[in-house]
Amino acid sequence: MSKTVYEIVEHDGGWAYRVDGVFSETFPSHALARNAADRAANEQTVPGESTDISFEDKEGRWHDEASRGSDRPETDVEG
């Protein structure tokens, strides 16, 4: 099982959470950013329906694969 970490950081004059180098919207306080990260992390663990997905890799090649709805990552919020 993979693990996704939401990190609370100062960003753009406020606070945001960052996942794999991508920032959320900016929040005026650490507490609001933390609450948003907690909600997002919890939602990411909810199982869904299995579906086919397409994605582009770092070299620009497209791939198709089946994504199991029960294959959800472990999540954590830090900061």
PDB file of N, CA and C in Angstrom:
ATOM      1  N   MET A   1       0.845  -1.177   0.000  1.00  0.00           N
ATOM      2  CA  MET A   1       0.000   0.000   0.000  1.00  0.00           C
ATOM      3  C   MET A   1       0.890   1.240   0.000  1.00  0.00           C
ATOM      4  N   SER A   2       0.503   2.218  -0.776  1.00  0.00           N
ATOM      5  CA  SER A   2       1.264   3.462  -0.835  1.00  0.00           C
ATOM      6  C   SER A   2       0.836   4.392   0.299  1.00  0.00           C
ATOM      7  N   LYS A   3       1.671   5.383   0.559  1.00  0.00           N
ATOM      8  CA  LYS A   3       1.368   6.370   1.597  1.00  0.00           C
ATOM      9  C   LYS A   3       1.471   7.758   1.001  1.00  0.00           C
ATOM     10  N   THR A   4       0.475   8.594   1.258  1.00  0.00           N
ATOM     11  CA  THR A   4       0.448   9.973   0.801  1.00  0.00           C
ATOM     12  C   THR A   4       0.534  10.876   2.021  1.00  0.00           C
ATOM     13  N   VAL A   5       1.505  11.807   2.006  1.00  0.00           N
ATOM     14  CA  VAL A   5       1.698  12.707   3.134  1.00  0.00           C
ATOM     15  C   VAL A   5       1.294  14.119   2.719  1.00  0.00           C
ATOM     16  N   TYR A   6       0.417  14.722   3.499  1.00  0.00           N
ATOM     17  CA  TYR A   6      -0.010  16.109   3.343  1.00  0.00           C
ATOM     18  C   TYR A   6       0.823  16.927   4.329  1.00  0.00           C
ATOM     19  N   GLU A   7       1.599  17.875   3.825  1.00  0.00           N
ATOM     20  CA  GLU A   7       2.482  18.667   4.663  1.00  0.00           C
ATOM     21  C   GLU A   7       1.974  20.113   4.724  1.00  0.00           C
ATOM     22  N   ILE A   8       1.774  20.636   5.933  1.00  0.00           N
ATOM     23  CA  ILE A   8       1.324  22.016   6.110  1.00  0.00           C
ATOM     24  C   ILE A   8       2.554  22.920   6.029  1.00  0.00           C
ATOM     25  N   VAL A   9       2.496  23.933   5.128  1.00  0.00           N
ATOM     26  CA  VAL A   9       3.651  24.817   4.898  1.00  0.00           C
ATOM     27  C   VAL A   9       3.177  26.258   4.702  1.00  0.00           C
ATOM     28  N   GLU A  10       4.077  27.200   4.986  1.00  0.00           N
ATOM     29  CA  GLU A  10       3.806  28.596   4.653  1.00  0.00           C
ATOM     30  C   GLU A  10       3.875  28.722   3.133  1.00  0.00           C
ATOM     31  N   HIS A  11       2.916  29.457   2.576  1.00  0.00           N
ATOM     32  CA  HIS A  11       2.868  29.557   1.115  1.00  0.00           C
ATOM     33  C   HIS A  11       2.121  30.811   0.690  1.00  0.00           C
ATOM     34  N   ASP A  12       2.720  31.588  -0.160  1.00  0.00           N
ATOM     35  CA  ASP A  12       2.063  32.715  -0.824  1.00  0.00           C
ATOM     36  C   ASP A  12       1.378  33.667   0.157  1.00  0.00           C
ATOM     37  N   GLY A  13       2.076  33.985   1.247  1.00  0.00           N
ATOM     38  CA  GLY A  13       1.535  34.916   2.225  1.00  0.00           C
ATOM     39  C   GLY A  13       0.566  34.317   3.213  1.00  0.00           C
ATOM     40  N   GLY A  14       0.433  33.016   3.232  1.00  0.00           N
ATOM     41  CA  GLY A  14      -0.482  32.338   4.154  1.00  0.00           C
ATOM     42  C   GLY A  14       0.008  30.930   4.407  1.00  0.00           C
ATOM     43  N   TRP A  15      -0.922  29.993   4.463  1.00  0.00           N
ATOM     44  CA  TRP A  15      -0.619  28.585   4.730  1.00  0.00           C
ATOM     45  C   TRP A  15      -1.312  27.715   3.694  1.00  0.00           C
ATOM     46  N   ALA A  16      -0.683  26.602   3.377  1.00  0.00           N
ATOM     47  CA  ALA A  16      -1.246  25.645   2.420  1.00  0.00           C
ATOM     48  C   ALA A  16      -0.815  24.251   2.827  1.00  0.00           C
ATOM     49  N   TYR A  17      -1.391  23.261   2.187  1.00  0.00           N
ATOM     50  CA  TYR A  17      -0.833  21.921   2.320  1.00  0.00           C
ATOM     51  C   TYR A  17      -0.207  21.544   0.987  1.00  0.00           C
ATOM     52  N   ARG A  18       0.819  20.703   1.060  1.00  0.00           N
ATOM     53  CA  ARG A  18       1.564  20.289  -0.126  1.00  0.00           C
ATOM     54  C   ARG A  18       1.572  18.766  -0.178  1.00  0.00           C
ATOM     55  N   VAL A  19       1.294  18.236  -1.358  1.00  0.00           N
ATOM     56  CA  VAL A  19       1.317  16.793  -1.590  1.00  0.00           C
ATOM     57  C   VAL A  19       2.134  16.543  -2.845  1.00  0.00           C
ATOM     58  N   ASP A  20       3.199  15.778  -2.722  1.00  0.00           N
ATOM     59  CA  ASP A  20       4.061  15.464  -3.870  1.00  0.00           C
ATOM     60  C   ASP A  20       4.478  16.722  -4.635  1.00  0.00           C
ATOM     61  N   GLY A  21       4.798  17.796  -3.906  1.00  0.00           N
ATOM     62  CA  GLY A  21       5.284  19.017  -4.530  1.00  0.00           C
ATOM     63  C   GLY A  21       4.208  19.936  -5.076  1.00  0.00           C
ATOM     64  N   VAL A  22       2.936  19.568  -4.924  1.00  0.00           N
ATOM     65  CA  VAL A  22       1.830  20.382  -5.434  1.00  0.00           C
ATOM     66  C   VAL A  22       1.132  21.050  -4.249  1.00  0.00           C
ATOM     67  N   PHE A  23       0.912  22.378  -4.355  1.00  0.00           N
ATOM     68  CA  PHE A  23       0.305  23.142  -3.280  1.00  0.00           C
ATOM     69  C   PHE A  23      -1.207  23.232  -3.439  1.00  0.00           C
ATOM     70  N   SER A  24      -1.880  23.268  -2.296  1.00  0.00           N
ATOM     71  CA  SER A  24      -3.314  23.550  -2.283  1.00  0.00           C
ATOM     72  C   SER A  24      -3.514  25.051  -2.456  1.00  0.00           C
ATOM     73  N   GLU A  25      -4.747  25.482  -2.372  1.00  0.00           N
ATOM     74  CA  GLU A  25      -5.021  26.915  -2.298  1.00  0.00           C
ATOM     75  C   GLU A  25      -4.387  27.446  -1.012  1.00  0.00           C
ATOM     76  N   THR A  26      -4.222  28.746  -0.916  1.00  0.00           N
ATOM     77  CA  THR A  26      -3.652  29.375   0.268  1.00  0.00           C
ATOM     78  C   THR A  26      -4.757  29.700   1.267  1.00  0.00           C
ATOM     79  N   PHE A  27      -4.491  29.415   2.537  1.00  0.00           N
ATOM     80  CA  PHE A  27      -5.422  29.681   3.629  1.00  0.00           C
ATOM     81  C   PHE A  27      -4.829  30.752   4.535  1.00  0.00           C
ATOM     82  N   PRO A  28      -5.666  31.560   5.193  1.00  0.00           N
ATOM     83  CA  PRO A  28      -5.139  32.641   6.029  1.00  0.00           C
ATOM     84  C   PRO A  28      -4.493  32.172   7.338  1.00  0.00           C
ATOM     85  N   SER A  29      -4.766  30.934   7.761  1.00  0.00           N
ATOM     86  CA  SER A  29      -4.175  30.455   9.017  1.00  0.00           C
ATOM     87  C   SER A  29      -3.712  29.008   8.882  1.00  0.00           C
ATOM     88  N   HIS A  30      -2.796  28.652   9.767  1.00  0.00           N
ATOM     89  CA  HIS A  30      -2.303  27.280   9.832  1.00  0.00           C
ATOM     90  C   HIS A  30      -3.450  26.322  10.140  1.00  0.00           C
ATOM     91  N   ALA A  31      -4.316  26.714  11.071  1.00  0.00           N
ATOM     92  CA  ALA A  31      -5.430  25.854  11.471  1.00  0.00           C
ATOM     93  C   ALA A  31      -6.366  25.545  10.304  1.00  0.00           C
ATOM     94  N   LEU A  32      -6.672  26.556   9.486  1.00  0.00           N
ATOM     95  CA  LEU A  32      -7.551  26.324   8.336  1.00  0.00           C
ATOM     96  C   LEU A  32      -6.880  25.410   7.305  1.00  0.00           C
ATOM     97  N   ALA A  33      -5.587  25.586   7.086  1.00  0.00           N
ATOM     98  CA  ALA A  33      -4.864  24.710   6.160  1.00  0.00           C
ATOM     99  C   ALA A  33      -4.837  23.288   6.697  1.00  0.00           C
ATOM    100  N   ARG A  34      -4.619  23.143   7.997  1.00  0.00           N
ATOM    101  CA  ARG A  34      -4.595  21.817   8.626  1.00  0.00           C
ATOM    102  C   ARG A  34      -5.961  21.140   8.506  1.00  0.00           C
ATOM    103  N   ASN A  35      -7.033  21.873   8.756  1.00  0.00           N
ATOM    104  CA  ASN A  35      -8.381  21.298   8.625  1.00  0.00           C
ATOM    105  C   ASN A  35      -8.650  20.844   7.192  1.00  0.00           C
ATOM    106  N   ALA A  36      -8.255  21.651   6.224  1.00  0.00           N
ATOM    107  CA  ALA A  36      -8.453  21.280   4.816  1.00  0.00           C
ATOM    108  C   ALA A  36      -7.636  20.040   4.464  1.00  0.00           C
ATOM    109  N   ALA A  37      -6.398  19.972   4.955  1.00  0.00           N
ATOM    110  CA  ALA A  37      -5.554  18.802   4.690  1.00  0.00           C
ATOM    111  C   ALA A  37      -6.135  17.555   5.340  1.00  0.00           C
ATOM    112  N   ASP A  38      -6.628  17.685   6.557  1.00  0.00           N
ATOM    113  CA  ASP A  38      -7.259  16.539   7.230  1.00  0.00           C
ATOM    114  C   ASP A  38      -8.456  16.028   6.430  1.00  0.00           C
ATOM    115  N   ARG A  39      -9.294  16.954   5.944  1.00  0.00           N
ATOM    116  CA  ARG A  39     -10.465  16.553   5.144  1.00  0.00           C
ATOM    117  C   ARG A  39     -10.025  15.840   3.864  1.00  0.00           C
ATOM    118  N   ALA A  40      -9.045  16.427   3.152  1.00  0.00           N
ATOM    119  CA  ALA A  40      -8.579  15.832   1.892  1.00  0.00           C
ATOM    120  C   ALA A  40      -7.961  14.458   2.134  1.00  0.00           C
ATOM    121  N   ALA A  41      -7.170  14.339   3.191  1.00  0.00           N
ATOM    122  CA  ALA A  41      -6.535  13.055   3.499  1.00  0.00           C
ATOM    123  C   ALA A  41      -7.578  11.994   3.817  1.00  0.00           C
ATOM    124  N   ASN A  42      -8.598  12.371   4.587  1.00  0.00           N
ATOM    125  CA  ASN A  42      -9.662  11.412   4.920  1.00  0.00           C
ATOM    126  C   ASN A  42     -10.449  10.993   3.683  1.00  0.00           C
ATOM    127  N   GLU A  43     -10.754  11.955   2.818  1.00  0.00           N
ATOM    128  CA  GLU A  43     -11.507  11.638   1.601  1.00  0.00           C
ATOM    129  C   GLU A  43     -10.729  10.711   0.678  1.00  0.00           C
ATOM    130  N   GLN A  44      -9.416  10.838   0.681  1.00  0.00           N
ATOM    131  CA  GLN A  44      -8.596  10.017  -0.216  1.00  0.00           C
ATOM    132  C   GLN A  44      -8.609   8.540   0.175  1.00  0.00           C
ATOM    133  N   THR A  45      -8.929   8.236   1.412  1.00  0.00           N
ATOM    134  CA  THR A  45      -8.928   6.842   1.861  1.00  0.00           C
ATOM    135  C   THR A  45     -10.259   6.132   1.636  1.00  0.00           C
ATOM    136  N   VAL A  46     -11.282   6.867   1.202  1.00  0.00           N
ATOM    137  CA  VAL A  46     -12.612   6.278   1.000  1.00  0.00           C
ATOM    138  C   VAL A  46     -12.611   5.448  -0.282  1.00  0.00           C
ATOM    139  N   PRO A  47     -12.991   4.173  -0.179  1.00  0.00           N
ATOM    140  CA  PRO A  47     -13.043   3.346  -1.394  1.00  0.00           C
ATOM    141  C   PRO A  47     -14.087   3.856  -2.374  1.00  0.00           C
ATOM    142  N   GLY A  48     -13.864   3.570  -3.632  1.00  0.00           N
ATOM    143  CA  GLY A  48     -14.805   3.963  -4.678  1.00  0.00           C
ATOM    144  C   GLY A  48     -15.026   2.807  -5.632  1.00  0.00           C
ATOM    145  N   GLU A  49     -15.498   3.123  -6.807  1.00  0.00           N
ATOM    146  CA  GLU A  49     -15.730   2.102  -7.828  1.00  0.00           C
ATOM    147  C   GLU A  49     -14.457   1.868  -8.618  1.00  0.00           C
ATOM    148  N   SER A  50     -14.272   0.645  -9.079  1.00  0.00           N
ATOM    149  CA  SER A  50     -13.156   0.350  -9.974  1.00  0.00           C
ATOM    150  C   SER A  50     -13.436   1.004 -11.315  1.00  0.00           C
ATOM    151  N   THR A  51     -12.372   1.487 -11.968  1.00  0.00           N
ATOM    152  CA  THR A  51     -12.539   2.185 -13.237  1.00  0.00           C
ATOM    153  C   THR A  51     -11.258   2.088 -14.053  1.00  0.00           C
ATOM    154  N   ASP A  52     -11.376   2.331 -15.335  1.00  0.00           N
ATOM    155  CA  ASP A  52     -10.196   2.404 -16.195  1.00  0.00           C
ATOM    156  C   ASP A  52      -9.698   3.841 -16.197  1.00  0.00           C
ATOM    157  N   ILE A  53      -8.374   4.014 -16.137  1.00  0.00           N
ATOM    158  CA  ILE A  53      -7.788   5.350 -16.135  1.00  0.00           C
ATOM    159  C   ILE A  53      -6.722   5.449 -17.217  1.00  0.00           C
ATOM    160  N   SER A  54      -6.461   6.668 -17.655  1.00  0.00           N
ATOM    161  CA  SER A  54      -5.369   6.979 -18.580  1.00  0.00           C
ATOM    162  C   SER A  54      -4.503   8.031 -17.913  1.00  0.00           C
ATOM    163  N   PHE A  55      -3.173   7.894 -18.049  1.00  0.00           N
ATOM    164  CA  PHE A  55      -2.279   8.886 -17.480  1.00  0.00           C
ATOM    165  C   PHE A  55      -1.034   9.014 -18.329  1.00  0.00           C
ATOM    166  N   GLU A  56      -0.408  10.192 -18.231  1.00  0.00           N
ATOM    167  CA  GLU A  56       0.811  10.492 -18.983  1.00  0.00           C
ATOM    168  C   GLU A  56       2.009  10.407 -18.038  1.00  0.00           C
ATOM    169  N   ASP A  57       3.062   9.693 -18.444  1.00  0.00           N
ATOM    170  CA  ASP A  57       4.242   9.592 -17.593  1.00  0.00           C
ATOM    171  C   ASP A  57       5.202  10.756 -17.846  1.00  0.00           C
ATOM    172  N   LYS A  58       6.319  10.780 -17.116  1.00  0.00           N
ATOM    173  CA  LYS A  58       7.272  11.884 -17.213  1.00  0.00           C
ATOM    174  C   LYS A  58       7.870  12.033 -18.609  1.00  0.00           C
ATOM    175  N   GLU A  59       7.907  10.965 -19.371  1.00  0.00           N
ATOM    176  CA  GLU A  59       8.455  11.008 -20.733  1.00  0.00           C
ATOM    177  C   GLU A  59       7.414  11.369 -21.780  1.00  0.00           C
ATOM    178  N   GLY A  60       6.182  11.655 -21.342  1.00  0.00           N
ATOM    179  CA  GLY A  60       5.134  12.059 -22.267  1.00  0.00           C
ATOM    180  C   GLY A  60       4.385  10.907 -22.910  1.00  0.00           C
ATOM    181  N   ARG A  61       4.587   9.679 -22.435  1.00  0.00           N
ATOM    182  CA  ARG A  61       3.867   8.516 -22.967  1.00  0.00           C
ATOM    183  C   ARG A  61       2.583   8.296 -22.173  1.00  0.00           C
ATOM    184  N   TRP A  62       1.520   7.936 -22.886  1.00  0.00           N
ATOM    185  CA  TRP A  62       0.231   7.676 -22.253  1.00  0.00           C
ATOM    186  C   TRP A  62       0.079   6.201 -21.947  1.00  0.00           C
ATOM    187  N   HIS A  63      -0.569   5.909 -20.823  1.00  0.00           N
ATOM    188  CA  HIS A  63      -0.804   4.541 -20.374  1.00  0.00           C
ATOM    189  C   HIS A  63      -2.264   4.391 -19.982  1.00  0.00           C
ATOM    190  N   ASP A  64      -2.809   3.208 -20.204  1.00  0.00           N
ATOM    191  CA  ASP A  64      -4.156   2.865 -19.766  1.00  0.00           C
ATOM    192  C   ASP A  64      -4.041   1.707 -18.784  1.00  0.00           C
ATOM    193  N   GLU A  65      -4.776   1.793 -17.687  1.00  0.00           N
ATOM    194  CA  GLU A  65      -4.773   0.688 -16.730  1.00  0.00           C
ATOM    195  C   GLU A  65      -6.060   0.714 -15.927  1.00  0.00           C
ATOM    196  N   ALA A  66      -6.338  -0.418 -15.292  1.00  0.00           N
ATOM    197  CA  ALA A  66      -7.503  -0.522 -14.419  1.00  0.00           C
ATOM    198  C   ALA A  66      -7.097  -0.047 -13.031  1.00  0.00           C
ATOM    199  N   SER A  67      -7.960   0.739 -12.407  1.00  0.00           N
ATOM    200  CA  SER A  67      -7.734   1.217 -11.048  1.00  0.00           C
ATOM    201  C   SER A  67      -8.810   0.620 -10.154  1.00  0.00           C
ATOM    202  N   ARG A  68      -8.379  -0.193  -9.196  1.00  0.00           N
ATOM    203  CA  ARG A  68      -9.338  -0.814  -8.280  1.00  0.00           C
ATOM    204  C   ARG A  68      -9.836   0.241  -7.302  1.00  0.00           C
ATOM    205  N   GLY A  69     -11.102   0.316  -7.101  1.00  0.00           N
ATOM    206  CA  GLY A  69     -11.686   1.277  -6.177  1.00  0.00           C
ATOM    207  C   GLY A  69     -11.314   1.019  -4.732  1.00  0.00           C
ATOM    208  N   SER A  70     -10.873  -0.192  -4.435  1.00  0.00           N
ATOM    209  CA  SER A  70     -10.494  -0.525  -3.055  1.00  0.00           C
ATOM    210  C   SER A  70      -9.002  -0.266  -2.783  1.00  0.00           C
ATOM    211  N   ASP A  71      -8.251   0.106  -3.793  1.00  0.00           N
ATOM    212  CA  ASP A  71      -6.808   0.326  -3.671  1.00  0.00           C
ATOM    213  C   ASP A  71      -6.529   1.770  -3.258  1.00  0.00           C
ATOM    214  N   ARG A  72      -6.737   2.083  -1.992  1.00  0.00           N
ATOM    215  CA  ARG A  72      -6.603   3.440  -1.488  1.00  0.00           C
ATOM    216  C   ARG A  72      -5.306   3.566  -0.687  1.00  0.00           C
ATOM    217  N   PRO A  73      -4.653   4.704  -0.729  1.00  0.00           N
ATOM    218  CA  PRO A  73      -3.400   4.873   0.003  1.00  0.00           C
ATOM    219  C   PRO A  73      -3.630   5.120   1.492  1.00  0.00           C
ATOM    220  N   GLU A  74      -2.606   4.891   2.265  1.00  0.00           N
ATOM    221  CA  GLU A  74      -2.565   5.337   3.646  1.00  0.00           C
ATOM    222  C   GLU A  74      -2.224   6.823   3.592  1.00  0.00           C
ATOM    223  N   THR A  75      -2.807   7.643   4.459  1.00  0.00           N
ATOM    224  CA  THR A  75      -2.533   9.076   4.442  1.00  0.00           C
ATOM    225  C   THR A  75      -2.075   9.560   5.806  1.00  0.00           C
ATOM    226  N   ASP A  76      -1.348  10.680   5.805  1.00  0.00           N
ATOM    227  CA  ASP A  76      -0.892  11.309   7.038  1.00  0.00           C
ATOM    228  C   ASP A  76      -0.799  12.807   6.789  1.00  0.00           C
ATOM    229  N   VAL A  77      -1.038  13.604   7.832  1.00  0.00           N
ATOM    230  CA  VAL A  77      -0.896  15.056   7.744  1.00  0.00           C
ATOM    231  C   VAL A  77       0.193  15.453   8.735  1.00  0.00           C
ATOM    232  N   GLU A  78       1.179  16.203   8.231  1.00  0.00           N
ATOM    233  CA  GLU A  78       2.304  16.641   9.059  1.00  0.00           C
ATOM    234  C   GLU A  78       2.392  18.157   9.065  1.00  0.00           C
ATOM    235  N   GLY A  79       2.743  18.697  10.211  1.00  0.00           N
ATOM    236  CA  GLY A  79       2.971  20.131  10.314  1.00  0.00           C
ATOM    237  C   GLY A  79       1.859  20.876  10.989  1.00  0.00           C
TER     238      GLY A  79
END
